[in-house]
Protein backbone atom coordinates (compact mmCIF):
# COMPACT_ATOMS: atom_id res chain seq x y z
CA MET A 1 0.00 0.00 0.00
CA THR A 2 1.39 3.39 -1.00
CA ARG A 3 0.95 6.37 1.30
CA ARG A 4 1.12 9.94 0.01
CA SER A 5 2.15 12.82 2.20
CA ALA A 6 3.13 16.44 2.17
CA PRO A 7 6.79 17.42 1.77
CA VAL A 8 8.86 17.04 4.92
CA LYS A 9 9.26 20.19 6.96
CA SER A 10 12.87 20.99 7.71
CA GLU A 11 14.49 23.95 9.34
CA MET A 12 17.76 24.94 10.95
CA VAL A 13 17.70 26.33 14.47
CA ARG A 14 20.58 27.70 16.51
CA CYS A 15 20.85 27.32 20.27
CA SER A 16 22.26 29.93 22.61
CA ALA A 17 25.63 28.19 22.77
CA GLY A 18 26.00 28.62 19.01
CA ALA A 19 25.65 24.98 17.96
CA SER A 20 23.29 24.24 15.08
CA ILE A 21 20.79 21.42 15.21
CA ARG A 22 18.70 20.35 12.23
CA ALA A 23 15.23 19.13 13.09
CA ALA A 24 13.04 17.45 10.47
CA TRP A 25 9.51 16.33 11.08
CA GLN A 26 6.09 15.90 9.59
CA PRO A 27 3.72 14.64 12.33
CA GLU A 28 1.40 11.88 11.14
CA GLU A 29 2.24 12.45 7.48
CA MET A 30 5.86 11.56 6.73
CA ASP A 31 6.31 8.10 5.23
CA LEU A 32 9.29 5.76 4.94
CA ALA A 33 10.06 6.77 1.37
CA GLU A 34 10.50 10.39 2.45
CA LEU A 35 12.52 9.49 5.53
CA LEU A 36 15.00 7.50 3.45
CA THR A 37 15.61 10.49 1.14
CA LEU A 38 16.73 12.78 3.97
CA PRO A 39 20.48 13.59 3.93
CA GLY A 40 22.57 11.20 6.00
CA VAL A 41 19.85 8.61 6.64
CA ARG A 42 21.03 5.11 5.81
CA GLU A 43 19.71 1.56 5.83
CA ASP A 44 21.80 -1.36 7.07
CA CYS A 45 20.77 -4.88 6.06
CA ILE A 46 22.68 -8.13 6.67
CA LEU A 47 20.97 -11.42 5.93
CA ARG A 48 22.07 -14.36 8.05
CA SER A 49 19.68 -16.74 9.84
CA SER A 50 15.87 -16.85 9.79
CA VAL A 51 15.81 -14.86 13.06
CA GLY A 52 16.34 -11.14 12.57
CA PHE A 53 17.02 -8.08 14.70
CA MET A 54 15.65 -4.66 13.75
CA ALA A 55 16.36 -1.08 14.84
CA LEU A 56 13.90 1.17 13.02
CA HIS A 57 14.81 4.30 14.97
CA GLY A 58 18.59 3.95 15.07
CA GLY A 59 21.20 6.67 15.23
CA SER A 60 20.15 9.96 16.81
CA GLN A 61 16.48 9.01 17.35
CA ASP A 62 16.36 6.03 19.77
CA ARG A 63 20.02 6.37 20.67
CA GLY A 64 21.95 3.14 21.17
CA THR A 65 19.33 0.83 19.69
CA ASP A 66 21.12 0.15 16.40
CA ARG A 67 24.38 -0.64 18.19
CA ILE A 68 22.64 -3.03 20.57
CA ALA A 69 20.66 -4.76 17.82
CA SER A 70 23.71 -5.01 15.54
CA ARG A 71 25.88 -6.55 18.25
CA ALA A 72 23.20 -9.01 19.31
CA ALA A 73 22.63 -10.04 15.69
CA GLU A 74 26.34 -10.57 15.14
CA LEU A 75 26.76 -12.72 18.25
CA ALA A 76 23.60 -14.74 17.55
CA GLY A 77 24.34 -15.22 13.85
CA ALA A 78 21.03 -13.49 13.17
CA SER A 79 19.96 -11.20 10.35
CA TYR A 80 19.95 -7.44 10.91
CA TYR A 81 18.07 -4.44 9.53
CA ALA A 82 18.33 -0.85 10.75
CA ILE A 83 17.46 2.67 9.73
CA VAL A 84 20.14 4.98 11.14
CA GLN A 85 19.65 8.74 11.38
CA PRO A 86 22.68 11.04 11.43
CA SER A 87 23.62 13.32 14.28
CA GLY A 88 21.35 16.36 14.38
CA LEU A 89 18.40 14.76 12.59
CA ARG A 90 15.48 13.68 14.76
CA VAL A 91 12.53 12.04 13.00
CA HIS A 92 10.22 9.63 14.79
CA LEU A 93 8.27 7.70 12.20
CA THR A 94 5.73 5.44 13.92
CA SER A 95 6.67 1.79 13.41
CA ARG A 96 3.45 0.87 11.61
CA LEU A 97 4.19 3.56 9.00
CA HIS A 98 7.37 1.77 7.90
CA ASP A 99 5.82 0.43 4.72
CA PRO A 100 7.99 -2.33 3.16
CA ASP A 101 6.76 -1.21 -0.27
CA HIS A 102 8.97 1.83 0.22
CA SER A 103 12.22 -0.06 0.83
CA ALA A 104 13.76 -2.93 -1.13
CA ARG A 105 16.14 -3.68 1.76
CA MET A 106 13.33 -3.90 4.29
CA ARG A 107 11.35 -6.17 1.97
CA ALA A 108 14.38 -8.44 1.51
CA PHE A 109 14.86 -8.64 5.27
CA LEU A 110 11.21 -9.37 6.05
CA GLN A 111 11.01 -12.01 3.33
CA HIS A 112 14.20 -13.67 4.59
CA VAL A 113 13.42 -13.94 8.32
CA ALA A 114 10.70 -15.99 9.99
CA VAL A 115 10.79 -14.16 13.34
CA ALA A 116 11.86 -10.59 14.14
CA ILE A 117 13.10 -8.90 17.31
CA SER A 118 12.81 -5.11 17.12
CA VAL A 119 14.84 -2.95 19.52
CA HIS A 120 13.47 0.48 20.43
CA GLY A 121 14.03 3.09 23.10
CA PHE A 122 11.85 5.46 25.12
CA GLY A 123 12.48 8.27 27.56
CA ARG A 124 14.57 11.41 26.85
CA ASP A 125 13.99 11.13 23.14
CA GLY A 126 11.81 14.16 22.40
CA PHE A 127 12.72 17.50 20.87
CA ALA A 128 12.20 20.71 22.86
CA ILE A 129 12.63 24.38 21.95
CA TRP A 130 11.75 27.34 24.13
CA ILE A 131 12.62 30.95 25.01
CA ASP A 132 14.59 31.40 28.21
CA PRO A 133 14.45 34.94 29.72
CA ASP A 134 18.19 34.90 30.35
CA ARG A 135 19.56 32.74 27.52
CA GLY A 136 17.15 33.49 24.71
CA LEU A 137 16.30 30.70 22.26
CA VAL A 138 17.16 27.30 23.76
CA VAL A 139 17.15 24.04 21.81
CA ASP A 140 17.34 20.66 23.51
CA PRO A 141 17.44 17.86 20.92
CA TYR A 142 16.40 15.31 23.54
CA GLY A 143 13.91 17.29 25.59
CA PRO A 144 13.84 17.61 29.37
CA ALA A 145 15.39 14.85 31.49
CA LEU A 146 12.21 14.54 33.59
CA ARG A 147 8.72 14.67 32.11
CA GLY A 148 5.28 14.94 33.68
CA ARG A 149 5.18 13.06 36.96
CA GLN A 150 8.58 11.47 36.45
CA THR A 151 10.83 12.10 39.46
CA GLY A 152 13.80 9.85 38.67
CA PRO A 153 15.26 7.46 36.11
CA LEU A 154 12.81 5.35 34.13
CA ARG A 155 13.01 1.69 35.17
CA GLY A 156 10.47 0.07 32.88
CA ILE A 157 11.12 -2.34 30.01
CA ILE A 158 8.19 -2.46 27.59
CA VAL A 159 7.69 -5.61 25.55
CA GLY A 160 5.09 -6.35 22.87
CA GLY A 161 4.55 -8.27 19.67
CA LEU A 162 2.33 -10.95 18.18
CA ASN A 163 4.61 -13.96 18.72
CA ALA A 164 3.10 -15.03 22.06
CA PRO A 165 5.67 -17.70 23.07
CA LEU A 166 8.58 -15.40 22.31
CA LEU A 167 6.84 -12.54 24.11
CA ASP A 168 6.58 -14.69 27.23
CA ALA A 169 10.27 -15.57 26.92
CA ALA A 170 11.18 -11.89 26.60
CA ARG A 171 9.21 -11.00 29.72
CA ARG A 172 10.91 -13.74 31.69
CA LEU A 173 14.45 -13.01 30.50
CA PHE A 174 14.33 -9.28 31.15
CA ARG A 175 12.53 -9.68 34.47
CA ASP A 176 15.08 -12.19 35.75
CA ARG A 177 18.24 -10.43 34.56
CA PHE A 178 17.76 -6.78 35.53
CA ALA A 179 17.24 -6.14 39.22
CA GLY A 180 15.75 -2.71 39.83
CA TYR A 181 13.88 -2.74 36.51
CA HIS A 182 10.39 -4.02 35.81
CA VAL A 183 8.73 -5.36 32.70
CA ALA A 184 5.66 -3.29 31.87
CA ASP A 185 2.38 -5.18 31.85
CA GLU A 186 0.09 -5.53 28.86
CA ARG A 187 -1.72 -2.26 29.54
CA VAL A 188 1.20 -0.60 27.72
CA ARG A 189 0.32 -1.76 24.22
CA LEU A 190 3.40 -1.17 22.08
CA GLY A 191 4.44 -3.50 19.28
CA PHE A 192 1.07 -5.21 18.77
CA HIS A 193 -0.13 -3.45 15.62
CA PRO A 194 -0.34 -5.97 12.74
CA GLU A 195 1.29 -3.47 10.34
CA ASN A 196 4.29 -2.99 12.60
CA PRO A 197 7.22 -4.52 10.64
CA VAL A 198 8.11 -6.71 13.62
CA ASN A 199 4.84 -8.58 13.03
CA LEU A 200 5.15 -8.98 9.25
CA PRO A 201 7.41 -12.09 9.08
CA SER A 202 5.58 -15.42 8.90
CA GLY A 203 6.26 -16.12 12.58
CA LYS A 204 5.61 -12.51 13.73
CA GLY A 205 7.98 -11.19 16.41
CA VAL A 206 8.57 -9.16 19.56
CA GLN A 207 9.38 -5.49 20.19
CA ILE A 208 11.62 -4.45 23.09
CA GLU A 209 11.46 -0.85 24.35
CA LEU A 210 14.50 0.01 26.48
CA PRO A 211 14.76 3.01 28.86
CA PRO A 212 17.85 5.27 28.71
CA GLY A 213 19.67 3.39 31.49
CA LEU A 214 19.76 0.21 29.43
CA ARG A 215 20.93 1.90 26.21
CA GLY A 216 24.28 3.29 27.37
CA ILE A 217 23.17 6.93 27.39
CA GLY A 218 22.93 7.36 31.17
CA ASP A 219 20.00 6.93 33.54
CA LEU A 220 18.46 10.22 32.39
CA GLY A 221 19.76 10.15 28.82
CA GLU A 222 22.47 12.66 29.71
CA HIS A 223 25.08 11.24 27.31
CA VAL A 224 24.64 12.49 23.76
CA GLU A 225 26.52 9.49 22.33
CA PRO A 226 25.92 5.94 23.63
CA CYS A 227 28.88 4.44 25.46
CA HIS A 228 29.71 0.78 25.91
CA GLU A 229 29.04 0.01 29.56
CA GLY A 230 28.57 -3.27 31.39
CA VAL A 231 24.80 -2.92 31.21
CA ILE A 232 24.93 -2.89 27.42
CA THR A 233 26.78 -6.20 27.46
CA GLU A 234 24.03 -7.62 29.65
CA VAL A 235 21.26 -6.33 27.39
CA VAL A 236 22.98 -7.84 24.36
CA ALA A 237 23.40 -11.15 26.19
CA VAL A 238 19.66 -11.27 26.96
CA LEU A 239 18.81 -10.50 23.34
CA VAL A 240 21.12 -13.27 22.15
CA GLU A 241 19.28 -15.70 24.46
CA LEU A 242 16.00 -14.42 23.07
CA ALA A 243 17.24 -15.02 19.52
CA GLN A 244 18.18 -18.57 20.49
CA ARG A 245 14.67 -19.11 21.83
CA ALA A 246 13.25 -17.68 18.60
CA ALA A 247 15.38 -20.13 16.58
CA GLU A 248 13.98 -23.01 18.63
CA LEU A 249 10.45 -21.86 17.86
CA VAL A 250 11.20 -21.48 14.17
CA ARG A 251 12.95 -24.86 13.72
CA PRO A 252 9.84 -27.11 13.81
CA THR A 253 8.05 -24.81 11.36
CA LEU A 254 10.95 -24.90 8.91
CA ALA A 255 11.27 -28.67 9.24
CA SER A 256 7.62 -29.14 8.26
CA HIS A 257 8.09 -27.37 4.90
C-alpha cells in the first residue's frame, strides 16, 4: 500500500551556545520513502539466519538501539536491519508507517526472516525548543530529562509483539536479569499493531522498548553518544538468548516445509 504525504518540513535552528541542530519532522504524514531520502539517513541490512534483529529508529532518534541490535545479531548469527539517522536529525516515524513497499532492503529482510526482534528506546527522546528569559532561544534535541510526573530514572522495560511464546520468553528473560527494573504489563500496548514490521514475518515477532539506562546513554539520557558500559553487554546477552529461543520456535516450522 502506498501512502502519500506532504513534503517534509525541515528547518535549521541555533541554540544559545552557538551549535546548530537540524530538526526534520512531519507529524502523522511523513512516510518511509520520504525518511529514506533525507540527507545522512542510511539503511543497514545483513541477511544471516531466519531470526532477525531490527532497529527502526537507530542513530540519533532512539540512541543506542542500532548498536545493541547489531551486536546481538552478530553474536547470535542473526539477520539485521536498521534505519540509522545522522547526528542532528530527529525524526520519529511510527513503526506501523514503515511500509515495506517503500524499501527494497526492508522487503528483503522481512522475506528472509521468519521471526523478528525489534529494539526500540523510550524516555529522553523528544525534541524541545523554548525561550529562556536569560539565555534566549534554547534548543534541547532530547527534551527535558524529567517529564510529567517522572521524578527519577525510568526503570520500565516495555515488551510487545504478536509472537506469544517469544513474548513470554522476553518478559521472563528481562525480568530475571535486571534487578531494579520491571517489565511493563500488557496495559502498555506497544508492538502489537499488525502493520508494525516486527509482526510482518511469517512467525511474527517481539518489540523491546529500552529506557535510557539500558541503552548506554545514562539513567536520564544525559550522554549524547551511547557508550559501551557493562549494562549494554548484559542487554545484548539477553537479546542473544531471546534469539536462540526464537530459533527453537522457528525450527519445527521450517522442518515441516
